[in-house]
Amino acid sequence: PYQLPAPPERGEFIAWSESNAVIYANSVLGARTVKHPDFLD
C-alpha cells in the first residue's frame, strides 16, 4: 500500500496489517503502526 498515491507521512498514526507493509511504513516512511493481526484491522 506504500506504492499507492499519497502514502503515509512521517509520524502519522495508521493501522496497517500485512507484515511487509507494516515494516516498510515504520522503517522507511517513519509512519507509526504496530503489526495488527487479521480481524483487528
PDB file of all heavy atoms in Angstrom:
ATOM      1  N   PRO A   1       0.804  -1.227   0.000  1.00  0.00           N
ATOM      2  CA  PRO A   1       0.000   0.000   0.000  1.00  0.00           C
ATOM      3  C   PRO A   1       0.829   1.265   0.000  1.00  0.00           C
ATOM      4  O   PRO A   1       0.319   2.343  -0.328  1.00  0.00           O
ATOM      5  CB  PRO A   1      -0.829  -0.131   1.289  1.00  0.00           C
ATOM      6  CG  PRO A   1      -0.037  -1.050   2.163  1.00  0.00           C
ATOM      7  CD  PRO A   1       0.610  -2.018   1.230  1.00  0.00           C
ATOM      8  N   TYR A   2       2.109   1.170   0.343  1.00  0.00           N
ATOM      9  CA  TYR A   2       3.002   2.328   0.296  1.00  0.00           C
ATOM     10  C   TYR A   2       3.260   2.767  -1.140  1.00  0.00           C
ATOM     11  O   TYR A   2       3.797   3.859  -1.369  1.00  0.00           O
ATOM     12  CB  TYR A   2       4.318   2.006   1.011  1.00  0.00           C
ATOM     13  CG  TYR A   2       4.839   0.611   0.765  1.00  0.00           C
ATOM     14  CD1 TYR A   2       5.582   0.308  -0.365  1.00  0.00           C
ATOM     15  CD2 TYR A   2       4.552  -0.415   1.654  1.00  0.00           C
ATOM     16  CE1 TYR A   2       6.038  -0.983  -0.600  1.00  0.00           C
ATOM     17  CE2 TYR A   2       5.011  -1.710   1.430  1.00  0.00           C
ATOM     18  CZ  TYR A   2       5.755  -1.988   0.294  1.00  0.00           C
ATOM     19  OH  TYR A   2       6.200  -3.271   0.065  1.00  0.00           O
ATOM     20  N   GLN A   3       2.886   1.948  -2.138  1.00  0.00           N
ATOM     21  CA  GLN A   3       3.013   2.339  -3.537  1.00  0.00           C
ATOM     22  C   GLN A   3       1.809   3.129  -4.030  1.00  0.00           C
ATOM     23  O   GLN A   3       1.853   3.693  -5.129  1.00  0.00           O
ATOM     24  CB  GLN A   3       3.190   1.094  -4.417  1.00  0.00           C
ATOM     25  CG  GLN A   3       4.468   0.318  -4.164  1.00  0.00           C
ATOM     26  CD  GLN A   3       4.538  -0.980  -4.966  1.00  0.00           C
ATOM     27  OE1 GLN A   3       3.570  -1.373  -5.617  1.00  0.00           O
ATOM     28  NE2 GLN A   3       5.681  -1.654  -4.909  1.00  0.00           N
ATOM     29  N   LEU A   4       0.739   3.188  -3.247  1.00  0.00           N
ATOM     30  CA  LEU A   4      -0.457   3.923  -3.646  1.00  0.00           C
ATOM     31  C   LEU A   4      -0.209   5.428  -3.549  1.00  0.00           C
ATOM     32  O   LEU A   4       0.705   5.878  -2.859  1.00  0.00           O
ATOM     33  CB  LEU A   4      -1.629   3.524  -2.749  1.00  0.00           C
ATOM     34  CG  LEU A   4      -2.074   2.060  -2.840  1.00  0.00           C
ATOM     35  CD1 LEU A   4      -3.111   1.745  -1.771  1.00  0.00           C
ATOM     36  CD2 LEU A   4      -2.623   1.755  -4.231  1.00  0.00           C
ATOM     37  N   PRO A   5      -1.023   6.239  -4.232  1.00  0.00           N
ATOM     38  CA  PRO A   5      -0.857   7.696  -4.137  1.00  0.00           C
ATOM     39  C   PRO A   5      -0.998   8.180  -2.696  1.00  0.00           C
ATOM     40  O   PRO A   5      -1.727   7.604  -1.894  1.00  0.00           O
ATOM     41  CB  PRO A   5      -1.997   8.231  -5.015  1.00  0.00           C
ATOM     42  CG  PRO A   5      -2.324   7.117  -5.953  1.00  0.00           C
ATOM     43  CD  PRO A   5      -2.085   5.851  -5.182  1.00  0.00           C
ATOM     44  N   ALA A   6      -0.262   9.225  -2.369  1.00  0.00           N
ATOM     45  CA  ALA A   6      -0.307   9.862  -1.051  1.00  0.00           C
ATOM     46  C   ALA A   6      -0.051   8.874   0.075  1.00  0.00           C
ATOM     47  O   ALA A   6      -0.911   8.634   0.936  1.00  0.00           O
ATOM     48  CB  ALA A   6      -1.646  10.579  -0.846  1.00  0.00           C
ATOM     49  N   PRO A   7       1.125   8.244   0.131  1.00  0.00           N
ATOM     50  CA  PRO A   7       1.427   7.311   1.213  1.00  0.00           C
ATOM     51  C   PRO A   7       1.501   8.029   2.551  1.00  0.00           C
ATOM     52  O   PRO A   7       1.584   9.268   2.606  1.00  0.00           O
ATOM     53  CB  PRO A   7       2.794   6.735   0.820  1.00  0.00           C
ATOM     54  CG  PRO A   7       3.403   7.789  -0.046  1.00  0.00           C
ATOM     55  CD  PRO A   7       2.265   8.405  -0.793  1.00  0.00           C
ATOM     56  N   PRO A   8       1.460   7.306   3.654  1.00  0.00           N
ATOM     57  CA  PRO A   8       1.515   7.939   4.972  1.00  0.00           C
ATOM     58  C   PRO A   8       2.791   8.776   5.151  1.00  0.00           C
ATOM     59  O   PRO A   8       3.838   8.483   4.569  1.00  0.00           O
ATOM     60  CB  PRO A   8       1.500   6.752   5.943  1.00  0.00           C
ATOM     61  CG  PRO A   8       0.891   5.637   5.164  1.00  0.00           C
ATOM     62  CD  PRO A   8       1.308   5.842   3.748  1.00  0.00           C
ATOM     63  N   GLU A   9       2.666   9.794   5.979  1.00  0.00           N
ATOM     64  CA  GLU A   9       3.793  10.685   6.240  1.00  0.00           C
ATOM     65  C   GLU A   9       4.487  10.290   7.539  1.00  0.00           C
ATOM     66  O   GLU A   9       3.947   9.536   8.364  1.00  0.00           O
ATOM     67  CB  GLU A   9       3.299  12.132   6.335  1.00  0.00           C
ATOM     68  CG  GLU A   9       2.651  12.635   5.049  1.00  0.00           C
ATOM     69  CD  GLU A   9       2.127  14.054   5.188  1.00  0.00           C
ATOM     70  OE1 GLU A   9       2.159  14.594   6.329  1.00  0.00           O
ATOM     71  OE2 GLU A   9       1.690  14.617   4.171  1.00  0.00           O
ATOM     72  N   ARG A  10       5.680  10.831   7.719  1.00  0.00           N
ATOM     73  CA  ARG A  10       6.428  10.547   8.937  1.00  0.00           C
ATOM     74  C   ARG A  10       5.642  11.025  10.162  1.00  0.00           C
ATOM     75  O   ARG A  10       5.120  12.148  10.186  1.00  0.00           O
ATOM     76  CB  ARG A  10       7.793  11.239   8.903  1.00  0.00           C
ATOM     77  CG  ARG A  10       8.637  10.965  10.136  1.00  0.00           C
ATOM     78  CD  ARG A  10      10.047  11.501  10.001  1.00  0.00           C
ATOM     79  NE  ARG A  10      10.820  11.231  11.210  1.00  0.00           N
ATOM     80  CZ  ARG A  10      12.115  11.504  11.347  1.00  0.00           C
ATOM     81  NH1 ARG A  10      12.781  12.048  10.329  1.00  0.00           N
ATOM     82  NH2 ARG A  10      12.737  11.227  12.474  1.00  0.00           N
ATOM     83  N   GLY A  11       5.528  10.153  11.152  1.00  0.00           N
ATOM     84  CA  GLY A  11       4.829  10.476  12.384  1.00  0.00           C
ATOM     85  C   GLY A  11       3.327  10.251  12.332  1.00  0.00           C
ATOM     86  O   GLY A  11       2.651  10.388  13.356  1.00  0.00           O
ATOM     87  N   GLU A  12       2.771   9.874  11.171  1.00  0.00           N
ATOM     88  CA  GLU A  12       1.328   9.666  11.049  1.00  0.00           C
ATOM     89  C   GLU A  12       0.930   8.344  11.712  1.00  0.00           C
ATOM     90  O   GLU A  12       1.565   7.312  11.491  1.00  0.00           O
ATOM     91  CB  GLU A  12       0.935   9.653   9.573  1.00  0.00           C
ATOM     92  CG  GLU A  12      -0.561   9.525   9.325  1.00  0.00           C
ATOM     93  CD  GLU A  12      -0.915   9.582   7.846  1.00  0.00           C
ATOM     94  OE1 GLU A  12      -0.049   9.972   7.035  1.00  0.00           O
ATOM     95  OE2 GLU A  12      -2.059   9.212   7.501  1.00  0.00           O
ATOM     96  N   PHE A  13      -0.113   8.367  12.506  1.00  0.00           N
ATOM     97  CA  PHE A  13      -0.612   7.168  13.175  1.00  0.00           C
ATOM     98  C   PHE A  13      -1.585   6.462  12.245  1.00  0.00           C
ATOM     99  O   PHE A  13      -2.649   6.995  11.915  1.00  0.00           O
ATOM    100  CB  PHE A  13      -1.297   7.529  14.495  1.00  0.00           C
ATOM    101  CG  PHE A  13      -0.349   7.818  15.616  1.00  0.00           C
ATOM    102  CD1 PHE A  13       0.463   8.953  15.607  1.00  0.00           C
ATOM    103  CD2 PHE A  13      -0.238   6.947  16.695  1.00  0.00           C
ATOM    104  CE1 PHE A  13       1.345   9.213  16.633  1.00  0.00           C
ATOM    105  CE2 PHE A  13       0.637   7.202  17.733  1.00  0.00           C
ATOM    106  CZ  PHE A  13       1.443   8.328  17.704  1.00  0.00           C
ATOM    107  N   ILE A  14      -1.219   5.259  11.824  1.00  0.00           N
ATOM    108  CA  ILE A  14      -2.034   4.474  10.910  1.00  0.00           C
ATOM    109  C   ILE A  14      -2.248   3.095  11.534  1.00  0.00           C
ATOM    110  O   ILE A  14      -1.659   2.778  12.575  1.00  0.00           O
ATOM    111  CB  ILE A  14      -1.368   4.351   9.521  1.00  0.00           C
ATOM    112  CG1 ILE A  14      -0.034   3.592   9.632  1.00  0.00           C
ATOM    113  CG2 ILE A  14      -1.155   5.732   8.914  1.00  0.00           C
ATOM    114  CD1 ILE A  14       0.651   3.353   8.291  1.00  0.00           C
ATOM    115  N   ALA A  15      -3.063   2.277  10.909  1.00  0.00           N
ATOM    116  CA  ALA A  15      -3.287   0.911  11.398  1.00  0.00           C
ATOM    117  C   ALA A  15      -3.237  -0.024  10.203  1.00  0.00           C
ATOM    118  O   ALA A  15      -4.227  -0.238   9.517  1.00  0.00           O
ATOM    119  CB  ALA A  15      -4.633   0.803  12.122  1.00  0.00           C
ATOM    120  N   TRP A  16      -2.046  -0.551   9.951  1.00  0.00           N
ATOM    121  CA  TRP A  16      -1.852  -1.441   8.818  1.00  0.00           C
ATOM    122  C   TRP A  16      -1.658  -2.867   9.296  1.00  0.00           C
ATOM    123  O   TRP A  16      -1.004  -3.119  10.311  1.00  0.00           O
ATOM    124  CB  TRP A  16      -0.640  -1.008   7.994  1.00  0.00           C
ATOM    125  CG  TRP A  16      -0.926   0.101   7.021  1.00  0.00           C
ATOM    126  CD1 TRP A  16      -2.075   0.828   6.934  1.00  0.00           C
ATOM    127  CD2 TRP A  16      -0.044   0.616   6.016  1.00  0.00           C
ATOM    128  NE1 TRP A  16      -1.978   1.762   5.930  1.00  0.00           N
ATOM    129  CE2 TRP A  16      -0.734   1.655   5.343  1.00  0.00           C
ATOM    130  CE3 TRP A  16       1.239   0.297   5.611  1.00  0.00           C
ATOM    131  CZ2 TRP A  16      -0.170   2.371   4.300  1.00  0.00           C
ATOM    132  CZ3 TRP A  16       1.811   1.014   4.570  1.00  0.00           C
ATOM    133  CH2 TRP A  16       1.117   2.036   3.917  1.00  0.00           C
ATOM    134  N   SER A  17      -2.236  -3.807   8.557  1.00  0.00           N
ATOM    135  CA  SER A  17      -1.856  -5.211   8.630  1.00  0.00           C
ATOM    136  C   SER A  17      -1.004  -5.499   7.393  1.00  0.00           C
ATOM    137  O   SER A  17      -0.802  -4.616   6.557  1.00  0.00           O
ATOM    138  CB  SER A  17      -3.086  -6.102   8.674  1.00  0.00           C
ATOM    139  OG  SER A  17      -3.763  -5.976   9.900  1.00  0.00           O
ATOM    140  N   GLU A  18      -0.545  -6.755   7.244  1.00  0.00           N
ATOM    141  CA  GLU A  18       0.393  -7.202   6.215  1.00  0.00           C
ATOM    142  C   GLU A  18       1.807  -6.853   6.687  1.00  0.00           C
ATOM    143  O   GLU A  18       2.194  -5.693   6.769  1.00  0.00           O
ATOM    144  CB  GLU A  18       0.144  -6.557   4.864  1.00  0.00           C
ATOM    145  CG  GLU A  18       0.412  -7.435   3.671  1.00  0.00           C
ATOM    146  CD  GLU A  18       1.799  -8.072   3.585  1.00  0.00           C
ATOM    147  OE1 GLU A  18       2.812  -7.439   3.900  1.00  0.00           O
ATOM    148  OE2 GLU A  18       1.850  -9.239   3.189  1.00  0.00           O
ATOM    149  N   SER A  19       2.551  -7.890   7.001  1.00  0.00           N
ATOM    150  CA  SER A  19       3.808  -7.697   7.711  1.00  0.00           C
ATOM    151  C   SER A  19       4.801  -6.829   6.954  1.00  0.00           C
ATOM    152  O   SER A  19       5.430  -5.935   7.538  1.00  0.00           O
ATOM    153  CB  SER A  19       4.438  -9.055   8.047  1.00  0.00           C
ATOM    154  OG  SER A  19       4.637  -9.823   6.873  1.00  0.00           O
ATOM    155  N   ASN A  20       4.956  -7.034   5.632  1.00  0.00           N
ATOM    156  CA  ASN A  20       5.942  -6.228   4.927  1.00  0.00           C
ATOM    157  C   ASN A  20       5.526  -4.761   4.893  1.00  0.00           C
ATOM    158  O   ASN A  20       6.370  -3.858   4.982  1.00  0.00           O
ATOM    159  CB  ASN A  20       6.159  -6.772   3.500  1.00  0.00           C
ATOM    160  CG  ASN A  20       5.390  -6.018   2.438  1.00  0.00           C
ATOM    161  OD1 ASN A  20       5.820  -4.987   1.936  1.00  0.00           O
ATOM    162  ND2 ASN A  20       4.199  -6.507   2.090  1.00  0.00           N
ATOM    163  N   ALA A  21       4.213  -4.511   4.780  1.00  0.00           N
ATOM    164  CA  ALA A  21       3.730  -3.134   4.738  1.00  0.00           C
ATOM    165  C   ALA A  21       3.947  -2.428   6.068  1.00  0.00           C
ATOM    166  O   ALA A  21       4.315  -1.242   6.114  1.00  0.00           O
ATOM    167  CB  ALA A  21       2.245  -3.115   4.363  1.00  0.00           C
ATOM    168  N   VAL A  22       3.726  -3.151   7.158  1.00  0.00           N
ATOM    169  CA  VAL A  22       3.954  -2.575   8.490  1.00  0.00           C
ATOM    170  C   VAL A  22       5.420  -2.196   8.655  1.00  0.00           C
ATOM    171  O   VAL A  22       5.758  -1.093   9.115  1.00  0.00           O
ATOM    172  CB  VAL A  22       3.528  -3.579   9.577  1.00  0.00           C
ATOM    173  CG1 VAL A  22       4.003  -3.141  10.949  1.00  0.00           C
ATOM    174  CG2 VAL A  22       2.014  -3.762   9.571  1.00  0.00           C
ATOM    175  N   ILE A  23       6.305  -3.114   8.284  1.00  0.00           N
ATOM    176  CA  ILE A  23       7.740  -2.861   8.457  1.00  0.00           C
ATOM    177  C   ILE A  23       8.191  -1.717   7.569  1.00  0.00           C
ATOM    178  O   ILE A  23       8.960  -0.847   7.991  1.00  0.00           O
ATOM    179  CB  ILE A  23       8.535  -4.148   8.185  1.00  0.00           C
ATOM    180  CG1 ILE A  23       8.172  -5.210   9.225  1.00  0.00           C
ATOM    181  CG2 ILE A  23      10.038  -3.886   8.216  1.00  0.00           C
ATOM    182  CD1 ILE A  23       8.647  -6.609   8.891  1.00  0.00           C
ATOM    183  N   TYR A  24       7.700  -1.671   6.339  1.00  0.00           N
ATOM    184  CA  TYR A  24       8.064  -0.578   5.430  1.00  0.00           C
ATOM    185  C   TYR A  24       7.548   0.765   5.946  1.00  0.00           C
ATOM    186  O   TYR A  24       8.259   1.769   5.934  1.00  0.00           O
ATOM    187  CB  TYR A  24       7.517  -0.862   4.039  1.00  0.00           C
ATOM    188  CG  TYR A  24       8.053   0.062   2.964  1.00  0.00           C
ATOM    189  CD1 TYR A  24       9.110  -0.335   2.159  1.00  0.00           C
ATOM    190  CD2 TYR A  24       7.500   1.320   2.750  1.00  0.00           C
ATOM    191  CE1 TYR A  24       9.604   0.496   1.156  1.00  0.00           C
ATOM    192  CE2 TYR A  24       7.989   2.162   1.762  1.00  0.00           C
ATOM    193  CZ  TYR A  24       9.045   1.754   0.969  1.00  0.00           C
ATOM    194  OH  TYR A  24       9.535   2.588  -0.004  1.00  0.00           O
ATOM    195  N   ALA A  25       6.296   0.780   6.400  1.00  0.00           N
ATOM    196  CA  ALA A  25       5.716   2.037   6.886  1.00  0.00           C
ATOM    197  C   ALA A  25       6.507   2.596   8.060  1.00  0.00           C
ATOM    198  O   ALA A  25       6.838   3.786   8.102  1.00  0.00           O
ATOM    199  CB  ALA A  25       4.258   1.821   7.289  1.00  0.00           C
ATOM    200  N   ASN A  26       6.805   1.741   9.028  1.00  0.00           N
ATOM    201  CA  ASN A  26       7.567   2.196  10.195  1.00  0.00           C
ATOM    202  C   ASN A  26       8.998   2.558   9.836  1.00  0.00           C
ATOM    203  O   ASN A  26       9.518   3.594  10.270  1.00  0.00           O
ATOM    204  CB  ASN A  26       7.583   1.093  11.264  1.00  0.00           C
ATOM    205  CG  ASN A  26       6.291   0.995  12.037  1.00  0.00           C
ATOM    206  OD1 ASN A  26       5.731   1.984  12.483  1.00  0.00           O
ATOM    207  ND2 ASN A  26       5.801  -0.228  12.206  1.00  0.00           N
ATOM    208  N   SER A  27       9.649   1.696   9.068  1.00  0.00           N
ATOM    209  CA  SER A  27      11.088   1.814   8.853  1.00  0.00           C
ATOM    210  C   SER A  27      11.431   2.872   7.809  1.00  0.00           C
ATOM    211  O   SER A  27      12.302   3.719   8.049  1.00  0.00           O
ATOM    212  CB  SER A  27      11.660   0.463   8.401  1.00  0.00           C
ATOM    213  OG  SER A  27      11.311  -0.569   9.284  1.00  0.00           O
ATOM    214  N   VAL A  28      10.765   2.832   6.654  1.00  0.00           N
ATOM    215  CA  VAL A  28      11.141   3.665   5.513  1.00  0.00           C
ATOM    216  C   VAL A  28      10.379   4.982   5.499  1.00  0.00           C
ATOM    217  O   VAL A  28      10.949   6.037   5.220  1.00  0.00           O
ATOM    218  CB  VAL A  28      10.923   2.894   4.198  1.00  0.00           C
ATOM    219  CG1 VAL A  28      11.322   3.739   2.995  1.00  0.00           C
ATOM    220  CG2 VAL A  28      11.721   1.586   4.212  1.00  0.00           C
ATOM    221  N   LEU A  29       9.070   4.927   5.794  1.00  0.00           N
ATOM    222  CA  LEU A  29       8.255   6.142   5.781  1.00  0.00           C
ATOM    223  C   LEU A  29       8.304   6.896   7.096  1.00  0.00           C
ATOM    224  O   LEU A  29       8.036   8.102   7.128  1.00  0.00           O
ATOM    225  CB  LEU A  29       6.797   5.789   5.453  1.00  0.00           C
ATOM    226  CG  LEU A  29       6.551   5.064   4.128  1.00  0.00           C
ATOM    227  CD1 LEU A  29       5.062   4.797   3.945  1.00  0.00           C
ATOM    228  CD2 LEU A  29       7.105   5.855   2.949  1.00  0.00           C
ATOM    229  N   GLY A  30       8.606   6.193   8.196  1.00  0.00           N
ATOM    230  CA  GLY A  30       8.580   6.851   9.501  1.00  0.00           C
ATOM    231  C   GLY A  30       7.174   7.054  10.037  1.00  0.00           C
ATOM    232  O   GLY A  30       6.970   7.801  10.991  1.00  0.00           O
ATOM    233  N   ALA A  31       6.179   6.404   9.397  1.00  0.00           N
ATOM    234  CA  ALA A  31       4.827   6.412   9.958  1.00  0.00           C
ATOM    235  C   ALA A  31       4.805   5.483  11.165  1.00  0.00           C
ATOM    236  O   ALA A  31       5.804   4.831  11.488  1.00  0.00           O
ATOM    237  CB  ALA A  31       3.817   5.975   8.905  1.00  0.00           C
ATOM    238  N   ARG A  32       3.654   5.398  11.845  1.00  0.00           N
ATOM    239  CA  ARG A  32       3.582   4.592  13.061  1.00  0.00           C
ATOM    240  C   ARG A  32       2.410   3.620  12.999  1.00  0.00           C
ATOM    241  O   ARG A  32       1.260   4.021  12.872  1.00  0.00           O
ATOM    242  CB  ARG A  32       3.463   5.485  14.303  1.00  0.00           C
ATOM    243  CG  ARG A  32       4.665   6.393  14.459  1.00  0.00           C
ATOM    244  CD  ARG A  32       4.791   6.980  15.832  1.00  0.00           C
ATOM    245  NE  ARG A  32       6.049   7.714  15.942  1.00  0.00           N
ATOM    246  CZ  ARG A  32       6.545   8.183  17.077  1.00  0.00           C
ATOM    247  NH1 ARG A  32       5.879   7.994  18.208  1.00  0.00           N
ATOM    248  NH2 ARG A  32       7.692   8.827  17.087  1.00  0.00           N
ATOM    249  N   THR A  33       2.747   2.345  13.089  1.00  0.00           N
ATOM    250  CA  THR A  33       1.734   1.301  13.179  1.00  0.00           C
ATOM    251  C   THR A  33       2.358   0.069  13.795  1.00  0.00           C
ATOM    252  O   THR A  33       3.512  -0.245  13.525  1.00  0.00           O
ATOM    253  CB  THR A  33       1.147   0.940  11.802  1.00  0.00           C
ATOM    254  OG1 THR A  33       0.200  -0.124  11.947  1.00  0.00           O
ATOM    255  CG2 THR A  33       2.216   0.521  10.810  1.00  0.00           C
ATOM    256  N   VAL A  34       1.616  -0.595  14.648  1.00  0.00           N
ATOM    257  CA  VAL A  34       2.061  -1.904  15.092  1.00  0.00           C
ATOM    258  C   VAL A  34       1.616  -2.925  14.050  1.00  0.00           C
ATOM    259  O   VAL A  34       0.889  -2.612  13.107  1.00  0.00           O
ATOM    260  CB  VAL A  34       1.511  -2.262  16.495  1.00  0.00           C
ATOM    261  CG1 VAL A  34       1.887  -1.200  17.515  1.00  0.00           C
ATOM    262  CG2 VAL A  34       0.017  -2.453  16.472  1.00  0.00           C
ATOM    263  N   LYS A  35       2.069  -4.160  14.197  1.00  0.00           N
ATOM    264  CA  LYS A  35       1.708  -5.218  13.256  1.00  0.00           C
ATOM    265  C   LYS A  35       0.343  -5.771  13.677  1.00  0.00           C
ATOM    266  O   LYS A  35       0.248  -6.741  14.405  1.00  0.00           O
ATOM    267  CB  LYS A  35       2.769  -6.314  13.243  1.00  0.00           C
ATOM    268  CG  LYS A  35       2.602  -7.323  12.120  1.00  0.00           C
ATOM    269  CD  LYS A  35       3.580  -8.473  12.260  1.00  0.00           C
ATOM    270  CE  LYS A  35       4.992  -8.064  11.949  1.00  0.00           C
ATOM    271  NZ  LYS A  35       5.913  -9.232  11.949  1.00  0.00           N
ATOM    272  N   HIS A  36      -0.717  -5.101  13.192  1.00  0.00           N
ATOM    273  CA  HIS A  36      -2.066  -5.510  13.588  1.00  0.00           C
ATOM    274  C   HIS A  36      -2.433  -6.839  12.939  1.00  0.00           C
ATOM    275  O   HIS A  36      -2.294  -7.008  11.723  1.00  0.00           O
ATOM    276  CB  HIS A  36      -3.081  -4.456  13.189  1.00  0.00           C
ATOM    277  CG  HIS A  36      -2.936  -3.175  13.933  1.00  0.00           C
ATOM    278  ND1 HIS A  36      -3.142  -3.079  15.286  1.00  0.00           N
ATOM    279  CD2 HIS A  36      -2.574  -1.928  13.513  1.00  0.00           C
ATOM    280  CE1 HIS A  36      -2.930  -1.826  15.672  1.00  0.00           C
ATOM    281  NE2 HIS A  36      -2.585  -1.114  14.619  1.00  0.00           N
ATOM    282  N   PRO A  37      -2.930  -7.786  13.689  1.00  0.00           N
ATOM    283  CA  PRO A  37      -3.331  -9.069  13.110  1.00  0.00           C
ATOM    284  C   PRO A  37      -4.639  -8.946  12.342  1.00  0.00           C
ATOM    285  O   PRO A  37      -5.409  -8.000  12.509  1.00  0.00           O
ATOM    286  CB  PRO A  37      -3.496  -9.968  14.344  1.00  0.00           C
ATOM    287  CG  PRO A  37      -3.814  -9.028  15.458  1.00  0.00           C
ATOM    288  CD  PRO A  37      -3.081  -7.755  15.151  1.00  0.00           C
ATOM    289  N   ASP A  38      -4.863  -9.935  11.462  1.00  0.00           N
ATOM    290  CA  ASP A  38      -6.148 -10.012  10.775  1.00  0.00           C
ATOM    291  C   ASP A  38      -7.286  -9.993  11.794  1.00  0.00           C
ATOM    292  O   ASP A  38      -7.156 -10.543  12.887  1.00  0.00           O
ATOM    293  CB  ASP A  38      -6.243 -11.307   9.975  1.00  0.00           C
ATOM    294  CG  ASP A  38      -5.362 -11.288   8.740  1.00  0.00           C
ATOM    295  OD1 ASP A  38      -4.549 -10.367   8.618  1.00  0.00           O
ATOM    296  OD2 ASP A  38      -5.483 -12.215   7.918  1.00  0.00           O
ATOM    297  N   PHE A  39      -8.377  -9.374  11.426  1.00  0.00           N
ATOM    298  CA  PHE A  39      -9.594  -9.191  12.211  1.00  0.00           C
ATOM    299  C   PHE A  39      -9.511  -7.937  13.070  1.00  0.00           C
ATOM    300  O   PHE A  39     -10.465  -7.178  13.143  1.00  0.00           O
ATOM    301  CB  PHE A  39      -9.947 -10.410  13.086  1.00  0.00           C
ATOM    302  CG  PHE A  39      -9.938 -11.723  12.373  1.00  0.00           C
ATOM    303  CD1 PHE A  39      -9.442 -12.854  12.963  1.00  0.00           C
ATOM    304  CD2 PHE A  39     -10.432 -11.832  11.078  1.00  0.00           C
ATOM    305  CE1 PHE A  39      -9.435 -14.078  12.304  1.00  0.00           C
ATOM    306  CE2 PHE A  39     -10.429 -13.042  10.401  1.00  0.00           C
ATOM    307  CZ  PHE A  39      -9.922 -14.171  11.020  1.00  0.00           C
ATOM    308  N   LEU A  40      -8.370  -7.707  13.728  1.00  0.00           N
ATOM    309  CA  LEU A  40      -8.237  -6.453  14.468  1.00  0.00           C
ATOM    310  C   LEU A  40      -8.179  -5.281  13.500  1.00  0.00           C
ATOM    311  O   LEU A  40      -8.645  -4.179  13.825  1.00  0.00           O
ATOM    312  CB  LEU A  40      -6.996  -6.473  15.358  1.00  0.00           C
ATOM    313  CG  LEU A  40      -6.817  -5.259  16.282  1.00  0.00           C
ATOM    314  CD1 LEU A  40      -8.006  -5.111  17.229  1.00  0.00           C
ATOM    315  CD2 LEU A  40      -5.509  -5.350  17.062  1.00  0.00           C
ATOM    316  N   ASP A  41      -7.631  -5.504  12.299  1.00  0.00           N
ATOM    317  CA  ASP A  41      -7.584  -4.419  11.315  1.00  0.00           C
ATOM    318  C   ASP A  41      -8.988  -3.902  11.016  1.00  0.00           C
ATOM    319  O   ASP A  41      -9.228  -2.685  10.985  1.00  0.00           O
ATOM    320  CB  ASP A  41      -6.857  -4.852  10.045  1.00  0.00           C
ATOM    321  CG  ASP A  41      -7.301  -6.213   9.494  1.00  0.00           C
ATOM    322  OD1 ASP A  41      -8.371  -6.717   9.902  1.00  0.00           O
ATOM    323  OD2 ASP A  41      -6.580  -6.772   8.643  1.00  0.00           O
TER     324      ASP A  41
END
